[in-house]
Amino acid sequence: MNYDIVLERLNNIEEQVSSNHKEQWLNLKGVSKYTSLSVSKIRRAVTSGELKTSKIGGRLLFKTRWVDKWLNS
């Protein structure tokens, strides 16, 4: 293999790994837009324990992977 090809492949792998480590956080309205569901439906899921959330400074925050897991369950 050519050195340039190996270097290009390593750079692609590095980009993929870096993008996987970035956690995207959404607020309640962001989850509503992301899922096309109402805010009240999302609040019910949080209250019933179906949807995991983090409460920071009185705000509900959600990781996109938590939302995806909830939608796929």
N, C-alpha and C. Protein backbone atom coordinates (compact mmCIF):
# COMPACT_ATOMS: atom_id res chain seq x y z
N MET A 1 0.82 -1.19 0.00
CA MET A 1 0.00 0.00 0.00
C MET A 1 0.87 1.25 0.00
N ASN A 2 0.32 2.23 -0.58
CA ASN A 2 0.98 3.51 -0.65
C ASN A 2 0.82 4.24 0.68
N TYR A 3 1.83 4.97 1.10
CA TYR A 3 1.81 5.71 2.36
C TYR A 3 0.63 6.67 2.43
N ASP A 4 0.35 7.37 1.32
CA ASP A 4 -0.75 8.35 1.28
C ASP A 4 -2.10 7.67 1.50
N ILE A 5 -2.28 6.49 0.96
CA ILE A 5 -3.54 5.76 1.11
C ILE A 5 -3.73 5.35 2.57
N VAL A 6 -2.66 4.86 3.19
CA VAL A 6 -2.72 4.46 4.60
C VAL A 6 -3.04 5.67 5.47
N LEU A 7 -2.38 6.77 5.20
CA LEU A 7 -2.62 7.99 5.97
C LEU A 7 -4.07 8.48 5.80
N GLU A 8 -4.59 8.42 4.61
CA GLU A 8 -5.97 8.83 4.35
C GLU A 8 -6.95 7.93 5.11
N ARG A 9 -6.71 6.64 5.10
CA ARG A 9 -7.59 5.71 5.82
C ARG A 9 -7.53 5.95 7.33
N LEU A 10 -6.35 6.20 7.85
CA LEU A 10 -6.22 6.50 9.29
C LEU A 10 -6.96 7.79 9.65
N ASN A 11 -6.88 8.78 8.80
CA ASN A 11 -7.61 10.03 9.05
C ASN A 11 -9.11 9.80 9.05
N ASN A 12 -9.60 8.96 8.12
CA ASN A 12 -11.03 8.63 8.09
C ASN A 12 -11.46 7.91 9.36
N ILE A 13 -10.65 6.98 9.83
CA ILE A 13 -10.97 6.26 11.06
C ILE A 13 -10.99 7.21 12.25
N GLU A 14 -10.02 8.11 12.30
CA GLU A 14 -9.96 9.09 13.39
C GLU A 14 -11.20 9.98 13.40
N GLU A 15 -11.65 10.42 12.25
CA GLU A 15 -12.86 11.24 12.16
C GLU A 15 -14.08 10.48 12.65
N GLN A 16 -14.19 9.22 12.29
CA GLN A 16 -15.33 8.41 12.72
C GLN A 16 -15.33 8.22 14.22
N VAL A 17 -14.19 7.95 14.79
CA VAL A 17 -14.09 7.76 16.24
C VAL A 17 -14.40 9.05 16.96
N SER A 18 -13.89 10.16 16.47
CA SER A 18 -14.15 11.45 17.10
C SER A 18 -15.62 11.81 17.07
N SER A 19 -16.28 11.54 15.96
CA SER A 19 -17.70 11.89 15.87
C SER A 19 -18.55 11.00 16.77
N ASN A 20 -18.11 9.78 17.05
CA ASN A 20 -18.86 8.89 17.93
C ASN A 20 -18.77 9.32 19.38
N HIS A 21 -17.73 10.04 19.76
CA HIS A 21 -17.54 10.44 21.15
C HIS A 21 -18.27 11.74 21.49
N LYS A 22 -18.73 12.45 20.50
CA LYS A 22 -19.44 13.70 20.75
C LYS A 22 -20.88 13.38 21.13
N GLU A 23 -21.23 13.70 22.34
CA GLU A 23 -22.59 13.49 22.81
C GLU A 23 -23.41 14.73 22.50
N GLN A 24 -24.50 14.54 21.82
CA GLN A 24 -25.37 15.67 21.56
C GLN A 24 -26.46 15.69 22.62
N TRP A 25 -26.64 16.84 23.23
CA TRP A 25 -27.66 17.04 24.25
C TRP A 25 -28.80 17.87 23.68
N LEU A 26 -30.01 17.51 24.06
CA LEU A 26 -31.19 18.25 23.63
C LEU A 26 -32.00 18.66 24.84
N ASN A 27 -32.65 19.81 24.75
CA ASN A 27 -33.59 20.19 25.79
C ASN A 27 -34.96 19.62 25.40
N LEU A 28 -35.98 19.92 26.19
CA LEU A 28 -37.30 19.35 25.96
C LEU A 28 -37.85 19.72 24.58
N LYS A 29 -37.72 20.98 24.21
CA LYS A 29 -38.21 21.40 22.90
C LYS A 29 -37.39 20.79 21.77
N GLY A 30 -36.09 20.60 22.02
CA GLY A 30 -35.23 19.95 21.03
C GLY A 30 -35.64 18.52 20.79
N VAL A 31 -36.00 17.82 21.86
CA VAL A 31 -36.47 16.43 21.72
C VAL A 31 -37.79 16.41 20.96
N SER A 32 -38.64 17.37 21.23
CA SER A 32 -39.91 17.46 20.53
C SER A 32 -39.70 17.65 19.03
N LYS A 33 -38.78 18.52 18.67
CA LYS A 33 -38.47 18.72 17.24
C LYS A 33 -37.81 17.48 16.65
N TYR A 34 -36.89 16.88 17.39
CA TYR A 34 -36.13 15.72 16.93
C TYR A 34 -37.05 14.53 16.67
N THR A 35 -38.08 14.37 17.51
CA THR A 35 -38.96 13.20 17.41
C THR A 35 -40.30 13.49 16.74
N SER A 36 -40.62 14.75 16.55
CA SER A 36 -41.93 15.17 16.05
C SER A 36 -43.06 14.75 16.99
N LEU A 37 -42.75 14.67 18.27
CA LEU A 37 -43.75 14.35 19.29
C LEU A 37 -44.01 15.59 20.13
N SER A 38 -45.16 15.60 20.77
CA SER A 38 -45.51 16.77 21.60
C SER A 38 -44.67 16.79 22.88
N VAL A 39 -44.54 17.98 23.43
CA VAL A 39 -43.81 18.16 24.68
C VAL A 39 -44.49 17.37 25.80
N SER A 40 -45.83 17.35 25.80
CA SER A 40 -46.55 16.62 26.86
C SER A 40 -46.30 15.11 26.77
N LYS A 41 -46.20 14.57 25.57
CA LYS A 41 -45.90 13.14 25.39
C LYS A 41 -44.51 12.82 25.95
N ILE A 42 -43.56 13.71 25.71
CA ILE A 42 -42.19 13.51 26.19
C ILE A 42 -42.17 13.62 27.71
N ARG A 43 -42.88 14.58 28.27
CA ARG A 43 -42.96 14.72 29.73
C ARG A 43 -43.55 13.46 30.37
N ARG A 44 -44.59 12.90 29.75
CA ARG A 44 -45.19 11.66 30.27
C ARG A 44 -44.18 10.51 30.27
N ALA A 45 -43.38 10.43 29.22
CA ALA A 45 -42.35 9.38 29.13
C ALA A 45 -41.30 9.57 30.21
N VAL A 46 -40.95 10.80 30.51
CA VAL A 46 -39.97 11.09 31.57
C VAL A 46 -40.56 10.71 32.93
N THR A 47 -41.81 11.13 33.17
CA THR A 47 -42.46 10.88 34.45
C THR A 47 -42.63 9.38 34.71
N SER A 48 -42.94 8.63 33.66
CA SER A 48 -43.15 7.19 33.82
C SER A 48 -41.83 6.41 33.86
N GLY A 49 -40.71 7.10 33.60
CA GLY A 49 -39.41 6.44 33.63
C GLY A 49 -39.03 5.77 32.32
N GLU A 50 -39.83 5.95 31.29
CA GLU A 50 -39.53 5.34 29.99
C GLU A 50 -38.35 6.02 29.31
N LEU A 51 -38.22 7.32 29.52
CA LEU A 51 -37.18 8.12 28.86
C LEU A 51 -36.23 8.67 29.91
N LYS A 52 -34.96 8.33 29.74
CA LYS A 52 -33.92 8.78 30.67
C LYS A 52 -33.63 10.26 30.43
N THR A 53 -33.39 10.97 31.52
CA THR A 53 -33.10 12.40 31.42
C THR A 53 -32.09 12.80 32.48
N SER A 54 -31.49 13.94 32.28
CA SER A 54 -30.59 14.53 33.26
C SER A 54 -31.15 15.91 33.58
N LYS A 55 -31.26 16.21 34.85
CA LYS A 55 -31.81 17.50 35.25
C LYS A 55 -30.67 18.36 35.77
N ILE A 56 -30.35 19.40 35.01
CA ILE A 56 -29.26 20.29 35.37
C ILE A 56 -29.81 21.70 35.46
N GLY A 57 -29.70 22.31 36.62
CA GLY A 57 -30.17 23.66 36.80
C GLY A 57 -31.66 23.82 36.56
N GLY A 58 -32.43 22.78 36.86
CA GLY A 58 -33.87 22.83 36.67
C GLY A 58 -34.32 22.53 35.26
N ARG A 59 -33.39 22.30 34.36
CA ARG A 59 -33.71 22.00 32.96
C ARG A 59 -33.57 20.51 32.70
N LEU A 60 -34.50 19.96 31.95
CA LEU A 60 -34.38 18.57 31.53
C LEU A 60 -33.50 18.52 30.29
N LEU A 61 -32.48 17.69 30.34
CA LEU A 61 -31.59 17.51 29.20
C LEU A 61 -31.55 16.03 28.83
N PHE A 62 -31.47 15.77 27.54
CA PHE A 62 -31.53 14.41 27.02
C PHE A 62 -30.37 14.19 26.06
N LYS A 63 -29.72 13.04 26.16
CA LYS A 63 -28.74 12.65 25.15
C LYS A 63 -29.52 12.05 23.98
N THR A 64 -29.05 12.33 22.78
CA THR A 64 -29.78 11.83 21.62
C THR A 64 -29.84 10.31 21.61
N ARG A 65 -28.82 9.65 22.15
CA ARG A 65 -28.86 8.18 22.16
C ARG A 65 -29.93 7.67 23.12
N TRP A 66 -30.21 8.41 24.20
CA TRP A 66 -31.30 8.03 25.11
C TRP A 66 -32.63 8.14 24.40
N VAL A 67 -32.79 9.20 23.63
CA VAL A 67 -34.03 9.41 22.89
C VAL A 67 -34.20 8.32 21.83
N ASP A 68 -33.13 8.02 21.12
CA ASP A 68 -33.18 6.97 20.10
C ASP A 68 -33.54 5.62 20.71
N LYS A 69 -32.95 5.33 21.86
CA LYS A 69 -33.24 4.06 22.54
C LYS A 69 -34.71 4.00 22.95
N TRP A 70 -35.25 5.10 23.46
CA TRP A 70 -36.65 5.17 23.86
C TRP A 70 -37.56 4.97 22.64
N LEU A 71 -37.22 5.60 21.53
CA LEU A 71 -38.04 5.48 20.33
C LEU A 71 -38.02 4.06 19.76
N ASN A 72 -36.90 3.39 19.92
CA ASN A 72 -36.77 2.04 19.36
C ASN A 72 -37.24 0.94 20.30
N SER A 73 -37.63 1.31 21.52
CA SER A 73 -38.06 0.26 22.47
C SER A 73 -39.53 -0.02 22.34
